[in-house]
Amino acid sequence: MNDKTKSLELDSNSSQQQRQRIRNHLNQFGSFTTAYARDYLDIPSPAPRVFELRHNEGLNIQSVWTTDTTAQGYKHRFVNYILKSGVYNKGVANDE
């Protein structure tokens, strides 16, 4: 492993690292909002990463619309991503 590869593993904003941050957060806390992902996980657009985790890894992540306050104090509608048990099944609502 060279210095560039090591740097990417430790401090990267690659899709792979973004998915890992989402995985880690969901495993520890169970959910996050789009605002939280942008402000605290450094993932500007979490929807594509969630899509990849669902469709490529089978994570059963439910999307629920909610109202949240941004770090700047403004209320907006965001998606709350919630990790559920089981495997994601494309086209079937897995919200148990």
Foldseek 3Di string as FASTA:
>chain_A
DDPVVVCCVPDNPDLVVLLVLVVVCCVVPFKDKQLCCVPPVVHNDCVVSVVCCQPVVFFQWDWDWDWDAHPVGDIDIIIMIGTDDDGRDPPDNDDD
